[in-house]
Amino acid sequence: MRPWAAPALFALLAASAGAGCSLFRAAAPDTTARHARTVTQTAAQAPDGDVKIVMQTRLLERPAGDEYLTRGLWRETSDPLPHELSARLAVNGLRVGVISGQLPIELERMAASEASVVNPMLRTFRPNLPKAIPVNGAIANCEADVRADLGREPVAKAWRAADCGVIVTAIPLPDGRLMLKVEYQIQHGERSFAYQPNSDGTAFDGRHQRTVEPFPTLAFDITLNRGELLFFGSTAAPVGTLGQAFFYPTSADRLRQRVLLVQPYTSAPPPARSDSATTSPAAIAAR
């Protein structure tokens, strides 16, 4: 976001680019069956029902330009997306990765440190219903150059009172894997009151809502095997892109850098209040 992308940030990120969870303890699964595709293709469907899917989400946060969050972590992840989609994300300063099996030592240490973990939470999802995972905000004034496709010129965008997040729809598959439909989204501006149909379409509910800016060409589907951990972050030099808007918060005039971790439970988690109870990072990493 250019209003707070000071020259010091550019220098710091440039220098970084030039240098160098209940978290499962399971054996590495066979990842050859992983299937990732864009949302324009047909997604496998699972029967609806009173099924709840619980996922552990957390933000790793370090000073901007942190060596591990900038490059080290991504050397240890695999890219689960088609090449063209990964390239489209990259020109917008975004990247996605997956780790299977045992965690790298540095990641395990960071994930167990209260100094590095922000907002660890158990989130409950219902199949086929989208839910937001906040990443960064509120941001008074936010700007980014957005490229909807590789062949298009970037378009300058600006938002006021912006909150950046990832919208996730979880779909359990018959073989025990979990498909996630993912979309980046920015909510911005003041809240306004409006009526919308309720979930079963039988009535209208009044609610306060904000303007939503989706990025449909950056959306994707990914299927996770048991024990796989999903990461969202920025590229090494995201200045002026969505990567900076989503993953570089400011705190007391200091720039910080974030990576979002999403880990589905494959069995019932310990008792906790959905979307409100936090769990000790050390206890989570030990499971």
C-alpha atoms as a PDB file:
ATOM      1  CA  MET A   1       0.000   0.000   0.000  1.00  0.00           C
ATOM      2  CA  ARG A   2       1.686   3.039  -1.258  1.00  0.00           C
ATOM      3  CA  PRO A   3       0.538   5.480   1.455  1.00  0.00           C
ATOM      4  CA  TRP A   4       2.720   3.648   3.948  1.00  0.00           C
ATOM      5  CA  ALA A   5       5.194   2.097   1.542  1.00  0.00           C
ATOM      6  CA  ALA A   6       8.026   4.321   2.661  1.00  0.00           C
ATOM      7  CA  PRO A   7      11.420   4.179   0.969  1.00  0.00           C
ATOM      8  CA  ALA A   8      12.672   2.294   3.997  1.00  0.00           C
ATOM      9  CA  LEU A   9      10.228  -0.520   3.235  1.00  0.00           C
ATOM     10  CA  PHE A  10      11.376  -0.758  -0.353  1.00  0.00           C
ATOM     11  CA  ALA A  11      14.997  -0.864   0.720  1.00  0.00           C
ATOM     12  CA  LEU A  12      14.284  -3.484   3.337  1.00  0.00           C
ATOM     13  CA  LEU A  13      12.330  -5.716   0.973  1.00  0.00           C
ATOM     14  CA  ALA A  14      14.856  -5.242  -1.801  1.00  0.00           C
ATOM     15  CA  ALA A  15      17.671  -6.229   0.534  1.00  0.00           C
ATOM     16  CA  SER A  16      15.714  -9.260   1.624  1.00  0.00           C
ATOM     17  CA  ALA A  17      15.068 -10.285  -1.970  1.00  0.00           C
ATOM     18  CA  GLY A  18      18.771 -10.032  -2.759  1.00  0.00           C
ATOM     19  CA  ALA A  19      19.876 -12.217   0.231  1.00  0.00           C
ATOM     20  CA  GLY A  20      20.211 -15.880   0.116  1.00  0.00           C
ATOM     21  CA  CYS A  21      -1.419 -25.401  13.628  1.00  0.00           C
ATOM     22  CA  SER A  22      -2.271 -28.291  15.526  1.00  0.00           C
ATOM     23  CA  LEU A  23       0.556 -29.306  13.339  1.00  0.00           C
ATOM     24  CA  PHE A  24       0.324 -32.927  12.308  1.00  0.00           C
ATOM     25  CA  ARG A  25       3.126 -35.324  13.209  1.00  0.00           C
ATOM     26  CA  ALA A  26       2.151 -37.850  10.589  1.00  0.00           C
ATOM     27  CA  ALA A  27       4.227 -39.636   7.984  1.00  0.00           C
ATOM     28  CA  ALA A  28       4.324 -37.791   4.675  1.00  0.00           C
ATOM     29  CA  PRO A  29       1.217 -38.723   2.652  1.00  0.00           C
ATOM     30  CA  ASP A  30       1.116 -39.637  -1.007  1.00  0.00           C
ATOM     31  CA  THR A  31       0.651 -36.250  -2.610  1.00  0.00           C
ATOM     32  CA  THR A  32       0.399 -37.471  -6.191  1.00  0.00           C
ATOM     33  CA  ALA A  33      -3.385 -37.406  -5.898  1.00  0.00           C
ATOM     34  CA  ARG A  34      -3.513 -33.728  -4.938  1.00  0.00           C
ATOM     35  CA  HIS A  35      -5.693 -31.814  -7.346  1.00  0.00           C
ATOM     36  CA  ALA A  36      -5.578 -28.044  -7.730  1.00  0.00           C
ATOM     37  CA  ARG A  37      -7.510 -26.075 -10.309  1.00  0.00           C
ATOM     38  CA  THR A  38      -9.088 -22.700 -10.939  1.00  0.00           C
ATOM     39  CA  VAL A  39     -12.658 -22.093  -9.852  1.00  0.00           C
ATOM     40  CA  THR A  40     -13.880 -21.933 -13.439  1.00  0.00           C
ATOM     41  CA  GLN A  41     -13.660 -25.726 -13.595  1.00  0.00           C
ATOM     42  CA  THR A  42     -16.191 -28.153 -12.121  1.00  0.00           C
ATOM     43  CA  ALA A  43     -15.592 -28.960  -8.448  1.00  0.00           C
ATOM     44  CA  ALA A  44     -16.401 -32.314  -6.882  1.00  0.00           C
ATOM     45  CA  GLN A  45     -19.427 -32.105  -4.645  1.00  0.00           C
ATOM     46  CA  ALA A  46     -20.024 -33.710  -1.271  1.00  0.00           C
ATOM     47  CA  PRO A  47     -23.431 -34.316   0.318  1.00  0.00           C
ATOM     48  CA  ASP A  48     -24.575 -31.509   2.561  1.00  0.00           C
ATOM     49  CA  GLY A  49     -25.607 -32.275   6.114  1.00  0.00           C
ATOM     50  CA  ASP A  50     -25.024 -31.214   9.643  1.00  0.00           C
ATOM     51  CA  VAL A  51     -21.286 -31.613   9.193  1.00  0.00           C
ATOM     52  CA  LYS A  52     -18.780 -29.284  10.804  1.00  0.00           C
ATOM     53  CA  ILE A  53     -15.224 -28.912   9.587  1.00  0.00           C
ATOM     54  CA  VAL A  54     -12.740 -27.470  12.056  1.00  0.00           C
ATOM     55  CA  MET A  55      -9.575 -25.749  10.909  1.00  0.00           C
ATOM     56  CA  GLN A  56      -6.735 -24.214  12.895  1.00  0.00           C
ATOM     57  CA  THR A  57      -5.721 -20.835  11.491  1.00  0.00           C
ATOM     58  CA  ARG A  58      -2.898 -18.591  12.661  1.00  0.00           C
ATOM     59  CA  LEU A  59      -0.726 -15.768  11.434  1.00  0.00           C
ATOM     60  CA  LEU A  60       3.040 -15.937  11.709  1.00  0.00           C
ATOM     61  CA  GLU A  61       4.306 -12.382  12.156  1.00  0.00           C
ATOM     62  CA  ARG A  62       7.871 -11.088  12.113  1.00  0.00           C
ATOM     63  CA  PRO A  63       9.616  -7.786  11.263  1.00  0.00           C
ATOM     64  CA  ALA A  64       9.326  -6.910   7.565  1.00  0.00           C
ATOM     65  CA  GLY A  65      11.968  -8.606   5.462  1.00  0.00           C
ATOM     66  CA  ASP A  66      12.379 -11.547   7.862  1.00  0.00           C
ATOM     67  CA  GLU A  67      14.672 -14.058   6.146  1.00  0.00           C
ATOM     68  CA  TYR A  68      12.625 -17.136   6.975  1.00  0.00           C
ATOM     69  CA  LEU A  69       9.166 -15.759   6.127  1.00  0.00           C
ATOM     70  CA  THR A  70      10.535 -14.118   2.969  1.00  0.00           C
ATOM     71  CA  ARG A  71      12.442 -17.056   1.489  1.00  0.00           C
ATOM     72  CA  GLY A  72      13.369 -19.857   3.876  1.00  0.00           C
ATOM     73  CA  LEU A  73       9.816 -21.069   4.436  1.00  0.00           C
ATOM     74  CA  TRP A  74       9.020 -21.115   0.726  1.00  0.00           C
ATOM     75  CA  ARG A  75      12.060 -23.253  -0.078  1.00  0.00           C
ATOM     76  CA  GLU A  76      10.498 -25.884   2.187  1.00  0.00           C
ATOM     77  CA  THR A  77       7.000 -25.757   0.686  1.00  0.00           C
ATOM     78  CA  SER A  78       5.728 -27.179  -2.585  1.00  0.00           C
ATOM     79  CA  ASP A  79       3.622 -25.174  -5.024  1.00  0.00           C
ATOM     80  CA  PRO A  80       0.210 -26.879  -5.264  1.00  0.00           C
ATOM     81  CA  LEU A  81      -1.218 -24.688  -8.032  1.00  0.00           C
ATOM     82  CA  PRO A  82      -1.019 -24.769 -11.839  1.00  0.00           C
ATOM     83  CA  HIS A  83       1.909 -22.784 -13.226  1.00  0.00           C
ATOM     84  CA  GLU A  84      -0.196 -20.085 -14.919  1.00  0.00           C
ATOM     85  CA  LEU A  85      -2.203 -19.448 -11.761  1.00  0.00           C
ATOM     86  CA  SER A  86       0.956 -19.297  -9.631  1.00  0.00           C
ATOM     87  CA  ALA A  87       2.388 -16.755 -12.089  1.00  0.00           C
ATOM     88  CA  ARG A  88      -0.814 -14.689 -11.924  1.00  0.00           C
ATOM     89  CA  LEU A  89      -0.611 -14.633  -8.141  1.00  0.00           C
ATOM     90  CA  ALA A  90       3.096 -13.769  -8.250  1.00  0.00           C
ATOM     91  CA  VAL A  91       2.630 -10.642 -10.382  1.00  0.00           C
ATOM     92  CA  ASN A  92       0.182  -9.513  -7.692  1.00  0.00           C
ATOM     93  CA  GLY A  93       2.743 -10.157  -4.954  1.00  0.00           C
ATOM     94  CA  LEU A  94       1.020 -13.332  -3.675  1.00  0.00           C
ATOM     95  CA  ARG A  95       2.063 -16.961  -3.269  1.00  0.00           C
ATOM     96  CA  VAL A  96       0.686 -20.200  -1.840  1.00  0.00           C
ATOM     97  CA  GLY A  97       2.524 -23.257  -0.545  1.00  0.00           C
ATOM     98  CA  VAL A  98       1.901 -26.649   1.065  1.00  0.00           C
ATOM     99  CA  ILE A  99       4.000 -28.697   3.499  1.00  0.00           C
ATOM    100  CA  SER A 100       3.355 -32.414   3.985  1.00  0.00           C
ATOM    101  CA  GLY A 101       4.497 -34.554   6.906  1.00  0.00           C
ATOM    102  CA  GLN A 102       6.865 -33.417   9.634  1.00  0.00           C
ATOM    103  CA  LEU A 103       7.456 -29.709   9.974  1.00  0.00           C
ATOM    104  CA  PRO A 104      10.837 -28.091   9.316  1.00  0.00           C
ATOM    105  CA  ILE A 105      12.596 -27.252  12.591  1.00  0.00           C
ATOM    106  CA  GLU A 106      12.531 -23.474  12.075  1.00  0.00           C
ATOM    107  CA  LEU A 107       8.836 -23.465  11.245  1.00  0.00           C
ATOM    108  CA  GLU A 108       8.032 -25.638  14.267  1.00  0.00           C
ATOM    109  CA  ARG A 109       9.983 -23.283  16.523  1.00  0.00           C
ATOM    110  CA  MET A 110       8.252 -20.215  15.121  1.00  0.00           C
ATOM    111  CA  ALA A 111       4.789 -21.790  15.269  1.00  0.00           C
ATOM    112  CA  ALA A 112       5.319 -22.633  18.948  1.00  0.00           C
ATOM    113  CA  SER A 113       6.461 -19.121  19.899  1.00  0.00           C
ATOM    114  CA  GLU A 114       3.938 -16.681  21.325  1.00  0.00           C
ATOM    115  CA  ALA A 115       6.187 -13.887  20.051  1.00  0.00           C
ATOM    116  CA  SER A 116       5.645 -15.010  16.437  1.00  0.00           C
ATOM    117  CA  VAL A 117       2.042 -16.229  16.391  1.00  0.00           C
ATOM    118  CA  VAL A 118      -0.921 -13.883  15.995  1.00  0.00           C
ATOM    119  CA  ASN A 119      -4.546 -14.841  16.560  1.00  0.00           C
ATOM    120  CA  PRO A 120      -4.414 -18.664  16.660  1.00  0.00           C
ATOM    121  CA  MET A 121      -7.997 -19.831  16.360  1.00  0.00           C
ATOM    122  CA  LEU A 122     -10.167 -22.879  15.805  1.00  0.00           C
ATOM    123  CA  ARG A 123     -12.658 -22.000  13.071  1.00  0.00           C
ATOM    124  CA  THR A 124     -15.750 -24.048  12.323  1.00  0.00           C
ATOM    125  CA  PHE A 125     -16.835 -24.355   8.686  1.00  0.00           C
ATOM    126  CA  ARG A 126     -19.978 -25.876   7.251  1.00  0.00           C
ATOM    127  CA  PRO A 127     -19.592 -27.685   3.916  1.00  0.00           C
ATOM    128  CA  ASN A 128     -20.073 -25.494   0.841  1.00  0.00           C
ATOM    129  CA  LEU A 129     -20.573 -22.276   2.838  1.00  0.00           C
ATOM    130  CA  PRO A 130     -17.893 -19.568   2.443  1.00  0.00           C
ATOM    131  CA  LYS A 131     -16.236 -18.076   5.507  1.00  0.00           C
ATOM    132  CA  ALA A 132     -13.727 -15.235   5.889  1.00  0.00           C
ATOM    133  CA  ILE A 133     -10.325 -15.571   7.535  1.00  0.00           C
ATOM    134  CA  PRO A 134      -9.015 -12.063   8.387  1.00  0.00           C
ATOM    135  CA  VAL A 135      -5.395 -11.377   7.463  1.00  0.00           C
ATOM    136  CA  ASN A 136      -4.707  -7.641   7.689  1.00  0.00           C
ATOM    137  CA  GLY A 137      -6.670  -4.546   8.753  1.00  0.00           C
ATOM    138  CA  ALA A 138      -8.072  -2.146   9.482  1.00  0.00           C
ATOM    139  CA  ILE A 139      -6.072   0.013   7.069  1.00  0.00           C
ATOM    140  CA  ALA A 140      -7.046   3.662   6.858  1.00  0.00           C
ATOM    141  CA  ASN A 141      -5.868   4.131   3.268  1.00  0.00           C
ATOM    142  CA  CYS A 142      -4.779   1.286   1.029  1.00  0.00           C
ATOM    143  CA  GLU A 143      -3.527   1.222  -2.569  1.00  0.00           C
ATOM    144  CA  ALA A 144      -2.260  -1.505  -4.892  1.00  0.00           C
ATOM    145  CA  ASP A 145      -1.660  -2.133  -8.572  1.00  0.00           C
ATOM    146  CA  VAL A 146      -3.827  -5.131  -9.498  1.00  0.00           C
ATOM    147  CA  ARG A 147      -3.235  -7.356 -12.529  1.00  0.00           C
ATOM    148  CA  ALA A 148      -6.320  -9.453 -13.280  1.00  0.00           C
ATOM    149  CA  ASP A 149      -4.417 -11.497 -15.855  1.00  0.00           C
ATOM    150  CA  LEU A 150      -0.885 -11.935 -17.111  1.00  0.00           C
ATOM    151  CA  GLY A 151      -1.653 -10.284 -20.432  1.00  0.00           C
ATOM    152  CA  ARG A 152      -3.242  -7.185 -18.943  1.00  0.00           C
ATOM    153  CA  GLU A 153      -1.747  -3.976 -17.671  1.00  0.00           C
ATOM    154  CA  PRO A 154      -1.989  -3.352 -13.916  1.00  0.00           C
ATOM    155  CA  VAL A 155      -4.882  -1.240 -12.704  1.00  0.00           C
ATOM    156  CA  ALA A 156      -4.329   1.157  -9.790  1.00  0.00           C
ATOM    157  CA  LYS A 157      -6.833   0.516  -7.010  1.00  0.00           C
ATOM    158  CA  ALA A 158      -7.464   2.417  -3.781  1.00  0.00           C
ATOM    159  CA  TRP A 159      -9.548   1.545  -0.734  1.00  0.00           C
ATOM    160  CA  ARG A 160     -10.423   3.431   2.430  1.00  0.00           C
ATOM    161  CA  ALA A 161     -10.930   1.729   5.807  1.00  0.00           C
ATOM    162  CA  ALA A 162      -9.872  -1.601   4.304  1.00  0.00           C
ATOM    163  CA  ASP A 163      -9.768  -5.102   5.792  1.00  0.00           C
ATOM    164  CA  CYS A 164      -7.982  -7.830   3.827  1.00  0.00           C
ATOM    165  CA  GLY A 165      -8.928 -11.474   4.160  1.00  0.00           C
ATOM    166  CA  VAL A 166      -9.127 -14.882   2.541  1.00  0.00           C
ATOM    167  CA  ILE A 167     -12.563 -16.382   1.838  1.00  0.00           C
ATOM    168  CA  VAL A 168     -12.573 -20.172   2.203  1.00  0.00           C
ATOM    169  CA  THR A 169     -15.267 -22.694   1.294  1.00  0.00           C
ATOM    170  CA  ALA A 170     -14.598 -26.223   2.600  1.00  0.00           C
ATOM    171  CA  ILE A 171     -15.897 -29.306   0.771  1.00  0.00           C
ATOM    172  CA  PRO A 172     -15.212 -32.766   2.266  1.00  0.00           C
ATOM    173  CA  LEU A 173     -14.533 -35.401  -0.397  1.00  0.00           C
ATOM    174  CA  PRO A 174     -15.624 -39.068  -0.266  1.00  0.00           C
ATOM    175  CA  ASP A 175     -12.021 -40.274  -0.063  1.00  0.00           C
ATOM    176  CA  GLY A 176     -11.393 -38.323   3.167  1.00  0.00           C
ATOM    177  CA  ARG A 177      -9.533 -35.431   1.596  1.00  0.00           C
ATOM    178  CA  LEU A 178     -10.719 -31.825   1.825  1.00  0.00           C
ATOM    179  CA  MET A 179     -11.226 -29.396  -1.036  1.00  0.00           C
ATOM    180  CA  LEU A 180     -10.863 -25.702  -0.263  1.00  0.00           C
ATOM    181  CA  LYS A 181     -12.214 -23.020  -2.585  1.00  0.00           C
ATOM    182  CA  VAL A 182     -10.151 -19.897  -1.919  1.00  0.00           C
ATOM    183  CA  GLU A 183     -10.631 -16.249  -2.856  1.00  0.00           C
ATOM    184  CA  TYR A 184      -8.796 -13.085  -1.806  1.00  0.00           C
ATOM    185  CA  GLN A 185     -11.095 -10.257  -0.811  1.00  0.00           C
ATOM    186  CA  ILE A 186     -10.970  -6.704   0.569  1.00  0.00           C
ATOM    187  CA  GLN A 187     -13.863  -5.202   2.535  1.00  0.00           C
ATOM    188  CA  HIS A 188     -13.748  -1.430   2.669  1.00  0.00           C
ATOM    189  CA  GLY A 189     -15.609   1.778   3.407  1.00  0.00           C
ATOM    190  CA  GLU A 190     -18.327   2.491   5.930  1.00  0.00           C
ATOM    191  CA  ARG A 191     -21.026   0.008   6.852  1.00  0.00           C
ATOM    192  CA  SER A 192     -24.470   0.465   5.281  1.00  0.00           C
ATOM    193  CA  PHE A 193     -27.759  -1.238   6.118  1.00  0.00           C
ATOM    194  CA  ALA A 194     -29.353  -3.549   3.541  1.00  0.00           C
ATOM    195  CA  TYR A 195     -31.794  -6.440   3.284  1.00  0.00           C
ATOM    196  CA  GLN A 196     -30.645  -9.796   1.908  1.00  0.00           C
ATOM    197  CA  PRO A 197     -32.275 -13.233   1.537  1.00  0.00           C
ATOM    198  CA  ASN A 198     -31.570 -15.550   4.468  1.00  0.00           C
ATOM    199  CA  SER A 199     -29.701 -18.847   4.055  1.00  0.00           C
ATOM    200  CA  ASP A 200     -32.749 -20.879   2.967  1.00  0.00           C
ATOM    201  CA  GLY A 201     -34.307 -18.112   0.866  1.00  0.00           C
ATOM    202  CA  THR A 202     -37.536 -17.967   2.883  1.00  0.00           C
ATOM    203  CA  ALA A 203     -37.183 -14.433   4.226  1.00  0.00           C
ATOM    204  CA  PHE A 204     -35.107 -11.270   4.144  1.00  0.00           C
ATOM    205  CA  ASP A 205     -32.687 -10.347   6.905  1.00  0.00           C
ATOM    206  CA  GLY A 206     -31.521  -6.823   7.576  1.00  0.00           C
ATOM    207  CA  ARG A 207     -27.812  -6.419   8.171  1.00  0.00           C
ATOM    208  CA  HIS A 208     -25.029  -3.888   8.115  1.00  0.00           C
ATOM    209  CA  GLN A 209     -22.501  -4.569   5.396  1.00  0.00           C
ATOM    210  CA  ARG A 210     -19.496  -3.024   3.697  1.00  0.00           C
ATOM    211  CA  THR A 211     -18.391  -2.814   0.103  1.00  0.00           C
ATOM    212  CA  VAL A 212     -16.528  -5.925  -1.035  1.00  0.00           C
ATOM    213  CA  GLU A 213     -13.722  -6.010  -3.629  1.00  0.00           C
ATOM    214  CA  PRO A 214     -13.171  -9.600  -4.837  1.00  0.00           C
ATOM    215  CA  PHE A 215     -10.374 -10.757  -7.123  1.00  0.00           C
ATOM    216  CA  PRO A 216     -11.996 -13.619  -9.062  1.00  0.00           C
ATOM    217  CA  THR A 217      -9.096 -14.293 -11.437  1.00  0.00           C
ATOM    218  CA  LEU A 218      -6.869 -14.993  -8.412  1.00  0.00           C
ATOM    219  CA  ALA A 219      -9.302 -17.543  -6.913  1.00  0.00           C
ATOM    220  CA  PHE A 220      -8.481 -21.231  -6.892  1.00  0.00           C
ATOM    221  CA  ASP A 221      -9.445 -24.677  -5.604  1.00  0.00           C
ATOM    222  CA  ILE A 222      -6.982 -26.903  -3.765  1.00  0.00           C
ATOM    223  CA  THR A 223      -7.447 -30.398  -2.376  1.00  0.00           C
ATOM    224  CA  LEU A 224      -5.503 -31.217   0.780  1.00  0.00           C
ATOM    225  CA  ASN A 225      -4.394 -34.682   1.832  1.00  0.00           C
ATOM    226  CA  ARG A 226      -4.287 -35.737   5.462  1.00  0.00           C
ATOM    227  CA  GLY A 227      -1.594 -33.894   7.383  1.00  0.00           C
ATOM    228  CA  GLU A 228      -0.951 -31.172   4.801  1.00  0.00           C
ATOM    229  CA  LEU A 229      -0.516 -27.581   5.958  1.00  0.00           C
ATOM    230  CA  LEU A 230      -1.502 -24.685   3.666  1.00  0.00           C
ATOM    231  CA  PHE A 231       0.363 -21.337   3.610  1.00  0.00           C
ATOM    232  CA  PHE A 232      -0.560 -17.932   2.201  1.00  0.00           C
ATOM    233  CA  GLY A 233       2.007 -15.152   1.944  1.00  0.00           C
ATOM    234  CA  SER A 234       3.662 -12.522  -0.222  1.00  0.00           C
ATOM    235  CA  THR A 235       6.457 -12.706  -2.722  1.00  0.00           C
ATOM    236  CA  ALA A 236       9.921 -11.441  -1.769  1.00  0.00           C
ATOM    237  CA  ALA A 237       9.337  -7.954  -3.256  1.00  0.00           C
ATOM    238  CA  PRO A 238       5.621  -7.100  -2.971  1.00  0.00           C
ATOM    239  CA  VAL A 239       5.797  -3.289  -2.782  1.00  0.00           C
ATOM    240  CA  GLY A 240       2.700  -1.701  -4.340  1.00  0.00           C
ATOM    241  CA  THR A 241       0.896  -5.022  -4.878  1.00  0.00           C
ATOM    242  CA  LEU A 242      -1.857  -7.004  -3.183  1.00  0.00           C
ATOM    243  CA  GLY A 243       0.885  -8.985  -1.454  1.00  0.00           C
ATOM    244  CA  GLN A 244       1.874  -5.889   0.493  1.00  0.00           C
ATOM    245  CA  ALA A 245      -1.759  -4.967   1.210  1.00  0.00           C
ATOM    246  CA  PHE A 246      -2.589  -8.399   2.617  1.00  0.00           C
ATOM    247  CA  PHE A 247       0.586  -9.417   4.427  1.00  0.00           C
ATOM    248  CA  TYR A 248       2.405  -6.258   5.619  1.00  0.00           C
ATOM    249  CA  PRO A 249       0.663  -4.641   8.604  1.00  0.00           C
ATOM    250  CA  THR A 250       2.032  -1.695  10.526  1.00  0.00           C
ATOM    251  CA  SER A 251       2.371  -1.658  14.291  1.00  0.00           C
ATOM    252  CA  ALA A 252       3.497   1.472  16.148  1.00  0.00           C
ATOM    253  CA  ASP A 253       4.981   2.803  12.887  1.00  0.00           C
ATOM    254  CA  ARG A 254       6.913  -0.434  12.408  1.00  0.00           C
ATOM    255  CA  LEU A 255       6.387  -2.608   9.349  1.00  0.00           C
ATOM    256  CA  ARG A 256       5.621  -6.253   9.998  1.00  0.00           C
ATOM    257  CA  GLN A 257       5.345  -9.281   7.723  1.00  0.00           C
ATOM    258  CA  ARG A 258       2.779 -12.071   7.949  1.00  0.00           C
ATOM    259  CA  VAL A 259       2.144 -15.571   6.646  1.00  0.00           C
ATOM    260  CA  LEU A 260      -1.253 -17.245   7.102  1.00  0.00           C
ATOM    261  CA  LEU A 261      -1.300 -20.928   8.091  1.00  0.00           C
ATOM    262  CA  VAL A 262      -4.418 -23.043   7.553  1.00  0.00           C
ATOM    263  CA  GLN A 263      -4.513 -26.600   8.886  1.00  0.00           C
ATOM    264  CA  PRO A 264      -7.657 -28.745   8.732  1.00  0.00           C
ATOM    265  CA  TYR A 265      -8.260 -31.250  11.495  1.00  0.00           C
ATOM    266  CA  THR A 266      -8.689 -34.820  10.302  1.00  0.00           C
ATOM    267  CA  SER A 267     -10.306 -35.818  13.597  1.00  0.00           C
ATOM    268  CA  ALA A 268     -12.218 -33.994  16.296  1.00  0.00           C
ATOM    269  CA  PRO A 269     -10.105 -31.232  17.903  1.00  0.00           C
ATOM    270  CA  PRO A 270      -9.942 -30.686  21.652  1.00  0.00           C
ATOM    271  CA  PRO A 271     -12.961 -28.874  23.161  1.00  0.00           C
ATOM    272  CA  ALA A 272     -12.926 -25.194  22.252  1.00  0.00           C
ATOM    273  CA  ARG A 273     -15.366 -22.467  21.360  1.00  0.00           C
ATOM    274  CA  SER A 274     -15.539 -22.145  17.610  1.00  0.00           C
ATOM    275  CA  ASP A 275     -14.079 -18.966  16.187  1.00  0.00           C
ATOM    276  CA  SER A 276     -13.301 -17.520  19.590  1.00  0.00           C
ATOM    277  CA  ALA A 277     -11.089 -19.786  21.680  1.00  0.00           C
ATOM    278  CA  THR A 278      -7.364 -19.620  21.210  1.00  0.00           C
ATOM    279  CA  THR A 279      -5.046 -22.503  21.881  1.00  0.00           C
ATOM    280  CA  SER A 280      -1.486 -22.381  23.142  1.00  0.00           C
ATOM    281  CA  PRO A 281       0.894 -22.600  20.155  1.00  0.00           C
ATOM    282  CA  ALA A 282       3.172 -24.894  22.143  1.00  0.00           C
ATOM    283  CA  ALA A 283       0.296 -27.279  22.885  1.00  0.00           C
ATOM    284  CA  ILE A 284      -0.845 -27.215  19.280  1.00  0.00           C
ATOM    285  CA  ALA A 285       2.614 -27.951  17.910  1.00  0.00           C
ATOM    286  CA  ALA A 286       2.953 -30.923  20.239  1.00  0.00           C
ATOM    287  CA  ARG A 287      -0.065 -32.748  18.832  1.00  0.00           C
END
